[in-house]
């Protein structure tokens, strides 16, 4: 598994999301996902949305995925 493939799966599963995935060892990854779909959701619900885009790969080919999930409004407020 590679970061580009994970990024593409998340982008396909969360249309319009801005996704940045990093990870060089093939099993441990970090992702920042900015998506309007996260509005009004707690962090756990946001993470579940991302995990759903990856299906059975979570816990298998993807051993660990550290997530940072934000809405576009949260990103704008930080600037």
C-alpha atoms as a PDB file:
ATOM      1  CA  UNK A   1       0.000   0.000   0.000  1.00  0.00           C
ATOM      2  CA  UNK A   2       1.224   3.507  -0.707  1.00  0.00           C
ATOM      3  CA  UNK A   3       0.198   7.023   0.297  1.00  0.00           C
ATOM      4  CA  UNK A   4      -0.993   7.994  -3.199  1.00  0.00           C
ATOM      5  CA  UNK A   5      -3.412   5.048  -3.345  1.00  0.00           C
ATOM      6  CA  UNK A   6      -4.841   5.861   0.075  1.00  0.00           C
ATOM      7  CA  UNK A   7      -5.221   9.506  -0.902  1.00  0.00           C
ATOM      8  CA  UNK A   8      -7.109   8.537  -4.063  1.00  0.00           C
ATOM      9  CA  UNK A   9      -9.476   6.226  -2.149  1.00  0.00           C
ATOM     10  CA  UNK A  10     -10.304   8.914   0.396  1.00  0.00           C
ATOM     11  CA  UNK A  11     -10.847  11.510  -2.335  1.00  0.00           C
ATOM     12  CA  UNK A  12     -13.149   9.124  -4.209  1.00  0.00           C
ATOM     13  CA  UNK A  13     -15.119   8.307  -1.063  1.00  0.00           C
ATOM     14  CA  UNK A  14     -15.421  11.928   0.108  1.00  0.00           C
ATOM     15  CA  UNK A  15     -16.066  13.977  -3.050  1.00  0.00           C
ATOM     16  CA  UNK A  16     -14.612  17.466  -2.853  1.00  0.00           C
ATOM     17  CA  UNK A  17     -12.309  16.644   0.057  1.00  0.00           C
ATOM     18  CA  UNK A  18      -8.752  17.951   0.137  1.00  0.00           C
ATOM     19  CA  UNK A  19      -6.518  15.085   1.204  1.00  0.00           C
ATOM     20  CA  UNK A  20      -2.821  14.847   2.025  1.00  0.00           C
ATOM     21  CA  UNK A  21      -1.441  11.418   2.977  1.00  0.00           C
ATOM     22  CA  UNK A  22       2.117  10.674   4.055  1.00  0.00           C
ATOM     23  CA  UNK A  23       3.872   7.467   5.021  1.00  0.00           C
ATOM     24  CA  UNK A  24       6.984   5.766   3.729  1.00  0.00           C
ATOM     25  CA  UNK A  25       6.961   2.301   5.299  1.00  0.00           C
ATOM     26  CA  UNK A  26       3.888   0.951   3.499  1.00  0.00           C
ATOM     27  CA  UNK A  27       1.816   0.247   6.638  1.00  0.00           C
ATOM     28  CA  UNK A  28       1.865   3.389   8.821  1.00  0.00           C
ATOM     29  CA  UNK A  29       0.322   6.559   7.414  1.00  0.00           C
ATOM     30  CA  UNK A  30      -0.759  10.062   8.403  1.00  0.00           C
ATOM     31  CA  UNK A  31      -3.578  11.878   6.649  1.00  0.00           C
ATOM     32  CA  UNK A  32      -5.003  15.369   6.805  1.00  0.00           C
ATOM     33  CA  UNK A  33      -8.503  15.465   5.370  1.00  0.00           C
ATOM     34  CA  UNK A  34     -10.473  18.671   4.869  1.00  0.00           C
ATOM     35  CA  UNK A  35     -14.085  17.967   3.949  1.00  0.00           C
ATOM     36  CA  UNK A  36     -17.418  19.755   4.148  1.00  0.00           C
ATOM     37  CA  UNK A  37     -18.954  16.383   5.097  1.00  0.00           C
ATOM     38  CA  UNK A  38     -17.359  16.753   8.560  1.00  0.00           C
ATOM     39  CA  UNK A  39     -19.505  19.761   9.526  1.00  0.00           C
ATOM     40  CA  UNK A  40     -21.380  19.161  12.775  1.00  0.00           C
ATOM     41  CA  UNK A  41     -19.656  15.831  13.419  1.00  0.00           C
ATOM     42  CA  UNK A  42     -17.503  14.857  16.385  1.00  0.00           C
ATOM     43  CA  UNK A  43     -13.947  13.617  15.691  1.00  0.00           C
ATOM     44  CA  UNK A  44     -14.893   9.936  16.026  1.00  0.00           C
ATOM     45  CA  UNK A  45     -17.667  10.289  13.438  1.00  0.00           C
ATOM     46  CA  UNK A  46     -15.267  12.110  11.118  1.00  0.00           C
ATOM     47  CA  UNK A  47     -12.712   9.318  11.438  1.00  0.00           C
ATOM     48  CA  UNK A  48     -15.376   6.706  10.710  1.00  0.00           C
ATOM     49  CA  UNK A  49     -16.243   8.524   7.478  1.00  0.00           C
ATOM     50  CA  UNK A  50     -12.604   8.335   6.409  1.00  0.00           C
ATOM     51  CA  UNK A  51     -12.227   4.685   7.478  1.00  0.00           C
ATOM     52  CA  UNK A  52     -15.347   3.809   5.462  1.00  0.00           C
ATOM     53  CA  UNK A  53     -13.592   5.020   2.286  1.00  0.00           C
ATOM     54  CA  UNK A  54     -10.808   2.484   2.912  1.00  0.00           C
ATOM     55  CA  UNK A  55     -12.972  -0.530   3.769  1.00  0.00           C
ATOM     56  CA  UNK A  56     -11.183  -3.761   4.635  1.00  0.00           C
ATOM     57  CA  UNK A  57      -7.747  -2.223   4.099  1.00  0.00           C
ATOM     58  CA  UNK A  58      -7.933  -0.723   7.593  1.00  0.00           C
ATOM     59  CA  UNK A  59      -6.291  -3.112  10.024  1.00  0.00           C
ATOM     60  CA  UNK A  60      -4.933  -5.144   7.118  1.00  0.00           C
ATOM     61  CA  UNK A  61      -2.823  -3.536   4.415  1.00  0.00           C
ATOM     62  CA  UNK A  62      -3.064  -0.276   6.359  1.00  0.00           C
ATOM     63  CA  UNK A  63      -1.841  -1.085   9.853  1.00  0.00           C
ATOM     64  CA  UNK A  64      -2.152   2.446  11.230  1.00  0.00           C
ATOM     65  CA  UNK A  65      -3.621   5.699   9.967  1.00  0.00           C
ATOM     66  CA  UNK A  66      -3.251   8.862  12.048  1.00  0.00           C
ATOM     67  CA  UNK A  67      -5.964  11.318  11.064  1.00  0.00           C
ATOM     68  CA  UNK A  68      -6.407  15.060  11.245  1.00  0.00           C
ATOM     69  CA  UNK A  69      -9.933  15.899  10.085  1.00  0.00           C
ATOM     70  CA  UNK A  70     -11.123  19.458   9.525  1.00  0.00           C
ATOM     71  CA  UNK A  71     -13.930  21.313   7.801  1.00  0.00           C
ATOM     72  CA  UNK A  72     -13.059  24.047   5.280  1.00  0.00           C
ATOM     73  CA  UNK A  73     -14.370  26.583   7.822  1.00  0.00           C
ATOM     74  CA  UNK A  74     -12.021  25.274  10.513  1.00  0.00           C
ATOM     75  CA  UNK A  75      -9.083  25.598   8.137  1.00  0.00           C
ATOM     76  CA  UNK A  76     -10.102  29.173   7.237  1.00  0.00           C
ATOM     77  CA  UNK A  77     -10.407  30.110  10.914  1.00  0.00           C
ATOM     78  CA  UNK A  78      -6.822  28.987  11.544  1.00  0.00           C
ATOM     79  CA  UNK A  79      -5.425  31.361   8.937  1.00  0.00           C
END
